[in-house]
PDB file of N, CA and C in Angstrom:
ATOM      1  N   MET A   1     113.408 -49.712 -40.427  1.00  0.00           N
ATOM      2  CA  MET A   1     112.132 -49.734 -39.748  1.00  0.00           C
ATOM      3  C   MET A   1     111.317 -48.525 -40.185  1.00  0.00           C
ATOM      4  N   LYS A   2     110.120 -48.770 -40.590  1.00  0.00           N
ATOM      5  CA  LYS A   2     109.208 -47.702 -40.988  1.00  0.00           C
ATOM      6  C   LYS A   2     108.703 -47.004 -39.720  1.00  0.00           C
ATOM      7  N   ARG A   3     108.718 -45.704 -39.724  1.00  0.00           N
ATOM      8  CA  ARG A   3     108.245 -44.955 -38.566  1.00  0.00           C
ATOM      9  C   ARG A   3     106.972 -44.229 -38.922  1.00  0.00           C
ATOM     10  N   SER A   4     105.929 -44.500 -38.157  1.00  0.00           N
ATOM     11  CA  SER A   4     104.678 -43.792 -38.388  1.00  0.00           C
ATOM     12  C   SER A   4     104.697 -42.474 -37.629  1.00  0.00           C
ATOM     13  N   LYS A   5     103.781 -41.621 -37.993  1.00  0.00           N
ATOM     14  CA  LYS A   5     103.691 -40.308 -37.360  1.00  0.00           C
ATOM     15  C   LYS A   5     103.365 -40.434 -35.871  1.00  0.00           C
ATOM     16  N   ASP A   6     102.435 -41.301 -35.549  1.00  0.00           N
ATOM     17  CA  ASP A   6     102.015 -41.485 -34.163  1.00  0.00           C
ATOM     18  C   ASP A   6     102.530 -42.813 -33.630  1.00  0.00           C
ATOM     19  N   ILE A   7     103.099 -42.776 -32.453  1.00  0.00           N
ATOM     20  CA  ILE A   7     103.573 -43.998 -31.809  1.00  0.00           C
ATOM     21  C   ILE A   7     102.376 -44.697 -31.183  1.00  0.00           C
ATOM     22  N   THR A   8     102.273 -45.986 -31.422  1.00  0.00           N
ATOM     23  CA  THR A   8     101.151 -46.761 -30.883  1.00  0.00           C
ATOM     24  C   THR A   8     101.417 -47.113 -29.421  1.00  0.00           C
ATOM     25  N   PRO A   9     100.379 -47.485 -28.679  1.00  0.00           N
ATOM     26  CA  PRO A   9     100.575 -47.881 -27.283  1.00  0.00           C
ATOM     27  C   PRO A   9     101.564 -49.039 -27.119  1.00  0.00           C
ATOM     28  N   LEU A  10     101.534 -49.999 -28.031  1.00  0.00           N
ATOM     29  CA  LEU A  10     102.462 -51.127 -27.922  1.00  0.00           C
ATOM     30  C   LEU A  10     103.902 -50.678 -28.197  1.00  0.00           C
ATOM     31  N   GLU A  11     104.076 -49.830 -29.202  1.00  0.00           N
ATOM     32  CA  GLU A  11     105.411 -49.294 -29.474  1.00  0.00           C
ATOM     33  C   GLU A  11     105.930 -48.496 -28.278  1.00  0.00           C
ATOM     34  N   LEU A  12     105.062 -47.728 -27.678  1.00  0.00           N
ATOM     35  CA  LEU A  12     105.429 -46.954 -26.497  1.00  0.00           C
ATOM     36  C   LEU A  12     105.827 -47.879 -25.341  1.00  0.00           C
ATOM     37  N   SER A  13     105.094 -48.979 -25.183  1.00  0.00           N
ATOM     38  CA  SER A  13     105.403 -49.942 -24.115  1.00  0.00           C
ATOM     39  C   SER A  13     106.770 -50.582 -24.309  1.00  0.00           C
ATOM     40  N   VAL A  14     107.067 -50.980 -25.539  1.00  0.00           N
ATOM     41  CA  VAL A  14     108.365 -51.585 -25.828  1.00  0.00           C
ATOM     42  C   VAL A  14     109.470 -50.550 -25.614  1.00  0.00           C
ATOM     43  N   GLY A  15     109.238 -49.343 -26.068  1.00  0.00           N
ATOM     44  CA  GLY A  15     110.211 -48.275 -25.848  1.00  0.00           C
ATOM     45  C   GLY A  15     110.411 -47.982 -24.372  1.00  0.00           C
ATOM     46  N   SER A  16     109.338 -48.011 -23.607  1.00  0.00           N
ATOM     47  CA  SER A  16     109.426 -47.777 -22.164  1.00  0.00           C
ATOM     48  C   SER A  16     110.246 -48.868 -21.486  1.00  0.00           C
ATOM     49  N   LEU A  17     110.064 -50.103 -21.923  1.00  0.00           N
ATOM     50  CA  LEU A  17     110.841 -51.216 -21.377  1.00  0.00           C
ATOM     51  C   LEU A  17     112.335 -50.973 -21.587  1.00  0.00           C
ATOM     52  N   LEU A  18     112.701 -50.555 -22.788  1.00  0.00           N
ATOM     53  CA  LEU A  18     114.099 -50.267 -23.083  1.00  0.00           C
ATOM     54  C   LEU A  18     114.592 -49.070 -22.266  1.00  0.00           C
ATOM     55  N   CYS A  19     113.779 -48.038 -22.140  1.00  0.00           N
ATOM     56  CA  CYS A  19     114.168 -46.853 -21.372  1.00  0.00           C
ATOM     57  C   CYS A  19     114.432 -47.192 -19.905  1.00  0.00           C
ATOM     58  N   VAL A  20     113.582 -48.025 -19.322  1.00  0.00           N
ATOM     59  CA  VAL A  20     113.785 -48.430 -17.930  1.00  0.00           C
ATOM     60  C   VAL A  20     115.096 -49.190 -17.806  1.00  0.00           C
ATOM     61  N   PHE A  21     115.332 -50.133 -18.710  1.00  0.00           N
ATOM     62  CA  PHE A  21     116.583 -50.887 -18.673  1.00  0.00           C
ATOM     63  C   PHE A  21     117.773 -49.944 -18.755  1.00  0.00           C
ATOM     64  N   MET A  22     117.729 -49.010 -19.686  1.00  0.00           N
ATOM     65  CA  MET A  22     118.843 -48.081 -19.885  1.00  0.00           C
ATOM     66  C   MET A  22     119.060 -47.173 -18.684  1.00  0.00           C
ATOM     67  N   GLU A  23     117.981 -46.833 -17.982  1.00  0.00           N
ATOM     68  CA  GLU A  23     118.096 -45.993 -16.788  1.00  0.00           C
ATOM     69  C   GLU A  23     118.910 -46.683 -15.696  1.00  0.00           C
ATOM     70  N   TYR A  24     118.806 -48.007 -15.606  1.00  0.00           N
ATOM     71  CA  TYR A  24     119.456 -48.756 -14.537  1.00  0.00           C
ATOM     72  C   TYR A  24     120.729 -49.485 -14.974  1.00  0.00           C
ATOM     73  N   GLN A  25     121.009 -49.533 -16.262  1.00  0.00           N
ATOM     74  CA  GLN A  25     122.153 -50.310 -16.737  1.00  0.00           C
ATOM     75  C   GLN A  25     123.481 -49.743 -16.233  1.00  0.00           C
ATOM     76  N   ASN A  26     124.434 -50.628 -16.104  1.00  0.00           N
ATOM     77  CA  ASN A  26     125.788 -50.256 -15.722  1.00  0.00           C
ATOM     78  C   ASN A  26     126.539 -49.788 -16.967  1.00  0.00           C
ATOM     79  N   ALA A  27     127.774 -49.379 -16.797  1.00  0.00           N
ATOM     80  CA  ALA A  27     128.585 -48.869 -17.903  1.00  0.00           C
ATOM     81  C   ALA A  27     128.745 -49.893 -19.023  1.00  0.00           C
ATOM     82  N   ASP A  28     128.659 -51.183 -18.686  1.00  0.00           N
ATOM     83  CA  ASP A  28     128.812 -52.231 -19.704  1.00  0.00           C
ATOM     84  C   ASP A  28     127.498 -52.585 -20.402  1.00  0.00           C
ATOM     85  N   GLY A  29     126.420 -51.854 -20.089  1.00  0.00           N
ATOM     86  CA  GLY A  29     125.132 -52.082 -20.742  1.00  0.00           C
ATOM     87  C   GLY A  29     124.347 -53.240 -20.181  1.00  0.00           C
ATOM     88  N   THR A  30     124.672 -53.662 -18.968  1.00  0.00           N
ATOM     89  CA  THR A  30     123.952 -54.769 -18.320  1.00  0.00           C
ATOM     90  C   THR A  30     123.466 -54.321 -16.941  1.00  0.00           C
ATOM     91  N   LEU A  31     122.641 -55.167 -16.331  1.00  0.00           N
ATOM     92  CA  LEU A  31     122.197 -54.923 -14.958  1.00  0.00           C
ATOM     93  C   LEU A  31     122.911 -55.896 -14.035  1.00  0.00           C
ATOM     94  N   SER A  32     123.512 -55.379 -12.977  1.00  0.00           N
ATOM     95  CA  SER A  32     124.052 -56.247 -11.935  1.00  0.00           C
ATOM     96  C   SER A  32     122.881 -56.707 -11.069  1.00  0.00           C
ATOM     97  N   LYS A  33     123.136 -57.626 -10.183  1.00  0.00           N
ATOM     98  CA  LYS A  33     122.087 -58.086  -9.271  1.00  0.00           C
ATOM     99  C   LYS A  33     121.556 -56.914  -8.453  1.00  0.00           C
ATOM    100  N   GLU A  34     122.463 -56.048  -8.013  1.00  0.00           N
ATOM    101  CA  GLU A  34     122.073 -54.901  -7.184  1.00  0.00           C
ATOM    102  C   GLU A  34     121.204 -53.916  -7.961  1.00  0.00           C
ATOM    103  N   THR A  35     121.618 -53.580  -9.182  1.00  0.00           N
ATOM    104  CA  THR A  35     120.826 -52.632  -9.961  1.00  0.00           C
ATOM    105  C   THR A  35     119.499 -53.248 -10.392  1.00  0.00           C
ATOM    106  N   PHE A  36     119.495 -54.546 -10.641  1.00  0.00           N
ATOM    107  CA  PHE A  36     118.251 -55.236 -10.980  1.00  0.00           C
ATOM    108  C   PHE A  36     117.267 -55.166  -9.811  1.00  0.00           C
ATOM    109  N   CYS A  37     117.741 -55.456  -8.608  1.00  0.00           N
ATOM    110  CA  CYS A  37     116.863 -55.411  -7.427  1.00  0.00           C
ATOM    111  C   CYS A  37     116.357 -53.988  -7.166  1.00  0.00           C
ATOM    112  N   LYS A  38     117.230 -53.006  -7.369  1.00  0.00           N
ATOM    113  CA  LYS A  38     116.818 -51.603  -7.222  1.00  0.00           C
ATOM    114  C   LYS A  38     115.737 -51.259  -8.242  1.00  0.00           C
ATOM    115  N   CYS A  39     115.923 -51.713  -9.477  1.00  0.00           N
ATOM    116  CA  CYS A  39     114.942 -51.479 -10.540  1.00  0.00           C
ATOM    117  C   CYS A  39     113.583 -52.062 -10.161  1.00  0.00           C
ATOM    118  N   LEU A  40     113.571 -53.304  -9.686  1.00  0.00           N
ATOM    119  CA  LEU A  40     112.306 -53.931  -9.287  1.00  0.00           C
ATOM    120  C   LEU A  40     111.623 -53.142  -8.179  1.00  0.00           C
ATOM    121  N   ALA A  41     112.398 -52.744  -7.184  1.00  0.00           N
ATOM    122  CA  ALA A  41     111.834 -52.010  -6.045  1.00  0.00           C
ATOM    123  C   ALA A  41     111.233 -50.676  -6.475  1.00  0.00           C
ATOM    124  N   GLU A  42     111.915 -49.979  -7.374  1.00  0.00           N
ATOM    125  CA  GLU A  42     111.470 -48.654  -7.776  1.00  0.00           C
ATOM    126  C   GLU A  42     110.443 -48.665  -8.901  1.00  0.00           C
ATOM    127  N   GLN A  43     110.540 -49.621  -9.800  1.00  0.00           N
ATOM    128  CA  GLN A  43     109.695 -49.622 -10.986  1.00  0.00           C
ATOM    129  C   GLN A  43     108.460 -50.520 -10.879  1.00  0.00           C
ATOM    130  N   MET A  44     108.444 -51.439  -9.913  1.00  0.00           N
ATOM    131  CA  MET A  44     107.290 -52.334  -9.781  1.00  0.00           C
ATOM    132  C   MET A  44     106.844 -52.444  -8.321  1.00  0.00           C
ATOM    133  N   PRO A  45     106.670 -51.315  -7.643  1.00  0.00           N
ATOM    134  CA  PRO A  45     106.326 -51.366  -6.218  1.00  0.00           C
ATOM    135  C   PRO A  45     104.959 -51.990  -5.940  1.00  0.00           C
ATOM    136  N   SER A  46     104.058 -51.937  -6.885  1.00  0.00           N
ATOM    137  CA  SER A  46     102.721 -52.510  -6.676  1.00  0.00           C
ATOM    138  C   SER A  46     102.755 -54.026  -6.527  1.00  0.00           C
ATOM    139  N   PHE A  47     103.841 -54.643  -7.010  1.00  0.00           N
ATOM    140  CA  PHE A  47     103.937 -56.101  -6.980  1.00  0.00           C
ATOM    141  C   PHE A  47     104.886 -56.614  -5.913  1.00  0.00           C
ATOM    142  N   ASP A  48     105.547 -55.712  -5.178  1.00  0.00           N
ATOM    143  CA  ASP A  48     106.432 -56.078  -4.072  1.00  0.00           C
ATOM    144  C   ASP A  48     107.421 -57.174  -4.475  1.00  0.00           C
ATOM    145  N   LEU A  49     108.130 -56.949  -5.570  1.00  0.00           N
ATOM    146  CA  LEU A  49     109.080 -57.934  -6.083  1.00  0.00           C
ATOM    147  C   LEU A  49     110.482 -57.783  -5.511  1.00  0.00           C
ATOM    148  N   ALA A  50     110.737 -56.723  -4.788  1.00  0.00           N
ATOM    149  CA  ALA A  50     112.088 -56.471  -4.295  1.00  0.00           C
ATOM    150  C   ALA A  50     112.598 -57.633  -3.453  1.00  0.00           C
ATOM    151  N   LYS A  51     111.728 -58.223  -2.660  1.00  0.00           N
ATOM    152  CA  LYS A  51     112.137 -59.345  -1.806  1.00  0.00           C
ATOM    153  C   LYS A  51     112.533 -60.567  -2.622  1.00  0.00           C
ATOM    154  N   ALA A  52     111.937 -60.735  -3.776  1.00  0.00           N
ATOM    155  CA  ALA A  52     112.215 -61.891  -4.629  1.00  0.00           C
ATOM    156  C   ALA A  52     113.298 -61.592  -5.662  1.00  0.00           C
ATOM    157  N   GLY A  53     113.877 -60.403  -5.608  1.00  0.00           N
ATOM    158  CA  GLY A  53     114.812 -59.959  -6.627  1.00  0.00           C
ATOM    159  C   GLY A  53     115.982 -60.883  -6.867  1.00  0.00           C
ATOM    160  N   GLU A  54     116.628 -61.342  -5.807  1.00  0.00           N
ATOM    161  CA  GLU A  54     117.803 -62.197  -5.981  1.00  0.00           C
ATOM    162  C   GLU A  54     117.435 -63.526  -6.626  1.00  0.00           C
ATOM    163  N   GLU A  55     116.327 -64.096  -6.213  1.00  0.00           N
ATOM    164  CA  GLU A  55     115.890 -65.372  -6.806  1.00  0.00           C
ATOM    165  C   GLU A  55     115.480 -65.182  -8.263  1.00  0.00           C
ATOM    166  N   LEU A  56     114.769 -64.105  -8.552  1.00  0.00           N
ATOM    167  CA  LEU A  56     114.403 -63.800  -9.932  1.00  0.00           C
ATOM    168  C   LEU A  56     115.647 -63.595 -10.795  1.00  0.00           C
ATOM    169  N   PHE A  57     116.634 -62.920 -10.229  1.00  0.00           N
ATOM    170  CA  PHE A  57     117.869 -62.667 -10.963  1.00  0.00           C
ATOM    171  C   PHE A  57     118.520 -63.988 -11.387  1.00  0.00           C
ATOM    172  N   LYS A  58     118.610 -64.928 -10.454  1.00  0.00           N
ATOM    173  CA  LYS A  58     119.204 -66.236 -10.762  1.00  0.00           C
ATOM    174  C   LYS A  58     118.435 -66.949 -11.862  1.00  0.00           C
ATOM    175  N   THR A  59     117.117 -66.850 -11.818  1.00  0.00           N
ATOM    176  CA  THR A  59     116.275 -67.518 -12.803  1.00  0.00           C
ATOM    177  C   THR A  59     116.443 -66.902 -14.187  1.00  0.00           C
ATOM    178  N   VAL A  60     116.564 -65.598 -14.251  1.00  0.00           N
ATOM    179  CA  VAL A  60     116.593 -64.883 -15.517  1.00  0.00           C
ATOM    180  C   VAL A  60     118.000 -64.788 -16.119  1.00  0.00           C
ATOM    181  N   ASP A  61     119.024 -64.910 -15.294  1.00  0.00           N
ATOM    182  CA  ASP A  61     120.401 -64.840 -15.780  1.00  0.00           C
ATOM    183  C   ASP A  61     120.712 -66.129 -16.547  1.00  0.00           C
ATOM    184  N   ILE A  62     120.168 -66.207 -17.752  1.00  0.00           N
ATOM    185  CA  ILE A  62     120.196 -67.425 -18.560  1.00  0.00           C
ATOM    186  C   ILE A  62     121.616 -67.919 -18.815  1.00  0.00           C
ATOM    187  N   ASN A  63     122.533 -67.026 -19.137  1.00  0.00           N
ATOM    188  CA  ASN A  63     123.903 -67.455 -19.418  1.00  0.00           C
ATOM    189  C   ASN A  63     124.782 -67.500 -18.169  1.00  0.00           C
ATOM    190  N   GLU A  64     124.186 -67.244 -17.013  1.00  0.00           N
ATOM    191  CA  GLU A  64     124.837 -67.352 -15.702  1.00  0.00           C
ATOM    192  C   GLU A  64     126.149 -66.575 -15.611  1.00  0.00           C
ATOM    193  N   ASP A  65     126.148 -65.353 -16.164  1.00  0.00           N
ATOM    194  CA  ASP A  65     127.355 -64.534 -16.105  1.00  0.00           C
ATOM    195  C   ASP A  65     127.302 -63.499 -14.978  1.00  0.00           C
ATOM    196  N   GLY A  66     126.249 -63.543 -14.168  1.00  0.00           N
ATOM    197  CA  GLY A  66     126.134 -62.626 -13.040  1.00  0.00           C
ATOM    198  C   GLY A  66     125.641 -61.247 -13.394  1.00  0.00           C
ATOM    199  N   LYS A  67     125.125 -61.100 -14.599  1.00  0.00           N
ATOM    200  CA  LYS A  67     124.550 -59.818 -15.024  1.00  0.00           C
ATOM    201  C   LYS A  67     123.467 -60.093 -16.053  1.00  0.00           C
ATOM    202  N   LEU A  68     122.562 -59.134 -16.191  1.00  0.00           N
ATOM    203  CA  LEU A  68     121.448 -59.289 -17.121  1.00  0.00           C
ATOM    204  C   LEU A  68     121.622 -58.391 -18.330  1.00  0.00           C
ATOM    205  N   GLU A  69     121.513 -58.988 -19.479  1.00  0.00           N
ATOM    206  CA  GLU A  69     121.469 -58.235 -20.722  1.00  0.00           C
ATOM    207  C   GLU A  69     120.017 -57.838 -20.962  1.00  0.00           C
ATOM    208  N   PHE A  70     119.796 -56.940 -21.919  1.00  0.00           N
ATOM    209  CA  PHE A  70     118.434 -56.485 -22.186  1.00  0.00           C
ATOM    210  C   PHE A  70     117.505 -57.645 -22.525  1.00  0.00           C
ATOM    211  N   LYS A  71     117.968 -58.595 -23.324  1.00  0.00           N
ATOM    212  CA  LYS A  71     117.110 -59.723 -23.710  1.00  0.00           C
ATOM    213  C   LYS A  71     116.648 -60.512 -22.497  1.00  0.00           C
ATOM    214  N   GLU A  72     117.533 -60.729 -21.547  1.00  0.00           N
ATOM    215  CA  GLU A  72     117.167 -61.460 -20.331  1.00  0.00           C
ATOM    216  C   GLU A  72     116.151 -60.663 -19.513  1.00  0.00           C
ATOM    217  N   PHE A  73     116.370 -59.371 -19.426  1.00  0.00           N
ATOM    218  CA  PHE A  73     115.452 -58.486 -18.705  1.00  0.00           C
ATOM    219  C   PHE A  73     114.074 -58.482 -19.361  1.00  0.00           C
ATOM    220  N   ALA A  74     114.040 -58.382 -20.683  1.00  0.00           N
ATOM    221  CA  ALA A  74     112.773 -58.352 -21.420  1.00  0.00           C
ATOM    222  C   ALA A  74     112.008 -59.663 -21.248  1.00  0.00           C
ATOM    223  N   VAL A  75     112.720 -60.785 -21.243  1.00  0.00           N
ATOM    224  CA  VAL A  75     112.076 -62.087 -21.027  1.00  0.00           C
ATOM    225  C   VAL A  75     111.413 -62.111 -19.660  1.00  0.00           C
ATOM    226  N   LEU A  76     112.095 -61.591 -18.652  1.00  0.00           N
ATOM    227  CA  LEU A  76     111.520 -61.557 -17.304  1.00  0.00           C
ATOM    228  C   LEU A  76     110.246 -60.727 -17.274  1.00  0.00           C
ATOM    229  N   VAL A  77     110.284 -59.530 -17.837  1.00  0.00           N
ATOM    230  CA  VAL A  77     109.117 -58.642 -17.791  1.00  0.00           C
ATOM    231  C   VAL A  77     107.936 -59.257 -18.535  1.00  0.00           C
ATOM    232  N   CYS A  78     108.185 -59.819 -19.701  1.00  0.00           N
ATOM    233  CA  CYS A  78     107.106 -60.440 -20.472  1.00  0.00           C
ATOM    234  C   CYS A  78     106.562 -61.683 -19.776  1.00  0.00           C
ATOM    235  N   SER A  79     107.446 -62.488 -19.207  1.00  0.00           N
ATOM    236  CA  SER A  79     107.010 -63.683 -18.466  1.00  0.00           C
ATOM    237  C   SER A  79     106.191 -63.288 -17.246  1.00  0.00           C
ATOM    238  N   PHE A  80     106.646 -62.239 -16.568  1.00  0.00           N
ATOM    239  CA  PHE A  80     105.915 -61.753 -15.403  1.00  0.00           C
ATOM    240  C   PHE A  80     104.513 -61.307 -15.796  1.00  0.00           C
ATOM    241  N   ALA A  81     104.418 -60.565 -16.879  1.00  0.00           N
ATOM    242  CA  ALA A  81     103.109 -60.086 -17.337  1.00  0.00           C
ATOM    243  C   ALA A  81     102.176 -61.248 -17.662  1.00  0.00           C
ATOM    244  N   CYS A  82     102.710 -62.268 -18.311  1.00  0.00           N
ATOM    245  CA  CYS A  82     101.891 -63.435 -18.678  1.00  0.00           C
ATOM    246  C   CYS A  82     101.430 -64.211 -17.454  1.00  0.00           C
ATOM    247  N   SER A  83     102.330 -64.406 -16.508  1.00  0.00           N
ATOM    248  CA  SER A  83     101.985 -65.233 -15.351  1.00  0.00           C
ATOM    249  C   SER A  83     101.213 -64.476 -14.271  1.00  0.00           C
ATOM    250  N   ASN A  84     101.131 -63.163 -14.392  1.00  0.00           N
ATOM    251  CA  ASN A  84     100.420 -62.349 -13.398  1.00  0.00           C
ATOM    252  C   ASN A  84      99.349 -61.484 -14.050  1.00  0.00           C
ATOM    253  N   TYR A  85      98.707 -62.037 -15.044  1.00  0.00           N
ATOM    254  CA  TYR A  85      97.722 -61.300 -15.828  1.00  0.00           C
ATOM    255  C   TYR A  85      96.616 -60.704 -14.949  1.00  0.00           C
ATOM    256  N   ASP A  86      96.044 -61.510 -14.054  1.00  0.00           N
ATOM    257  CA  ASP A  86      94.943 -61.024 -13.211  1.00  0.00           C
ATOM    258  C   ASP A  86      95.386 -59.892 -12.286  1.00  0.00           C
ATOM    259  N   ALA A  87      96.538 -60.058 -11.663  1.00  0.00           N
ATOM    260  CA  ALA A  87      97.045 -59.021 -10.765  1.00  0.00           C
ATOM    261  C   ALA A  87      97.371 -57.751 -11.548  1.00  0.00           C
ATOM    262  N   LEU A  88      97.913 -57.921 -12.742  1.00  0.00           N
ATOM    263  CA  LEU A  88      98.235 -56.771 -13.583  1.00  0.00           C
ATOM    264  C   LEU A  88      96.970 -56.003 -13.970  1.00  0.00           C
ATOM    265  N   GLN A  89      95.911 -56.725 -14.265  1.00  0.00           N
ATOM    266  CA  GLN A  89      94.640 -56.070 -14.581  1.00  0.00           C
ATOM    267  C   GLN A  89      94.141 -55.251 -13.395  1.00  0.00           C
ATOM    268  N   GLU A  90      94.285 -55.796 -12.194  1.00  0.00           N
ATOM    269  CA  GLU A  90      93.838 -55.085 -10.990  1.00  0.00           C
ATOM    270  C   GLU A  90      94.644 -53.803 -10.791  1.00  0.00           C
ATOM    271  N   VAL A  91      95.959 -53.882 -10.979  1.00  0.00           N
ATOM    272  CA  VAL A  91      96.804 -52.700 -10.822  1.00  0.00           C
ATOM    273  C   VAL A  91      96.414 -51.650 -11.849  1.00  0.00           C
ATOM    274  N   MET A  92      96.202 -52.057 -13.077  1.00  0.00           N
ATOM    275  CA  MET A  92      95.836 -51.107 -14.127  1.00  0.00           C
ATOM    276  C   MET A  92      94.451 -50.507 -13.868  1.00  0.00           C
ATOM    277  N   LYS A  93      93.542 -51.310 -13.354  1.00  0.00           N
ATOM    278  CA  LYS A  93      92.206 -50.810 -13.005  1.00  0.00           C
ATOM    279  C   LYS A  93      92.314 -49.753 -11.897  1.00  0.00           C
ATOM    280  N   THR A  94      93.166 -50.022 -10.923  1.00  0.00           N
ATOM    281  CA  THR A  94      93.367 -49.071  -9.834  1.00  0.00           C
ATOM    282  C   THR A  94      93.942 -47.767 -10.367  1.00  0.00           C
ATOM    283  N   CYS A  95      94.906 -47.868 -11.290  1.00  0.00           N
ATOM    284  CA  CYS A  95      95.481 -46.656 -11.899  1.00  0.00           C
ATOM    285  C   CYS A  95      94.403 -45.859 -12.619  1.00  0.00           C
ATOM    286  N   LYS A  96      93.556 -46.563 -13.347  1.00  0.00           N
ATOM    287  CA  LYS A  96      92.493 -45.893 -14.099  1.00  0.00           C
ATOM    288  C   LYS A  96      91.513 -45.228 -13.125  1.00  0.00           C
ATOM    289  N   ASP A  97      91.150 -45.953 -12.062  1.00  0.00           N
ATOM    290  CA  ASP A  97      90.213 -45.418 -11.078  1.00  0.00           C
ATOM    291  C   ASP A  97      90.784 -44.217 -10.336  1.00  0.00           C
ATOM    292  N   ASP A  98      92.115 -44.205 -10.137  1.00  0.00           N
ATOM    293  CA  ASP A  98      92.778 -43.113  -9.441  1.00  0.00           C
ATOM    294  C   ASP A  98      93.044 -41.913 -10.336  1.00  0.00           C
ATOM    295  N   GLY A  99      92.761 -42.079 -11.630  1.00  0.00           N
ATOM    296  CA  GLY A  99      93.021 -41.000 -12.558  1.00  0.00           C
ATOM    297  C   GLY A  99      94.424 -40.981 -13.091  1.00  0.00           C
ATOM    298  N   ASN A 100      95.201 -42.045 -12.810  1.00  0.00           N
ATOM    299  CA  ASN A 100      96.584 -42.108 -13.295  1.00  0.00           C
ATOM    300  C   ASN A 100      96.701 -42.835 -14.623  1.00  0.00           C
ATOM    301  N   GLY A 101      95.641 -43.408 -15.100  1.00  0.00           N
ATOM    302  CA  GLY A 101      95.655 -44.110 -16.376  1.00  0.00           C
ATOM    303  C   GLY A 101      94.632 -43.524 -17.305  1.00  0.00           C
ATOM    304  N   LYS A 102      94.529 -44.127 -18.453  1.00  0.00           N
ATOM    305  CA  LYS A 102      93.540 -43.628 -19.423  1.00  0.00           C
ATOM    306  C   LYS A 102      92.162 -44.144 -19.122  1.00  0.00           C
TER     307      LYS A 102
END
């Protein structure tokens, strides 16, 4: 992989996604249902997903092994962004207005 001097916003976003996953992963490199729900509660509080965590976990656990691999987690985050585009724009606008964004 060619590395440029400056990391782009998209590269930073993908890296951030991996960093969040790694922060919550278990020793086997996966997320249990409990760690997944904790991640949602702590990392996406603006969307109040903690209550839906168990149902989301079942939907995203594609191979039904009771844990989430990074690929399953990434699919969830990307799907969420696509299906909640308007709400995501509002959250980002609020961050910008509050001085927490660019």
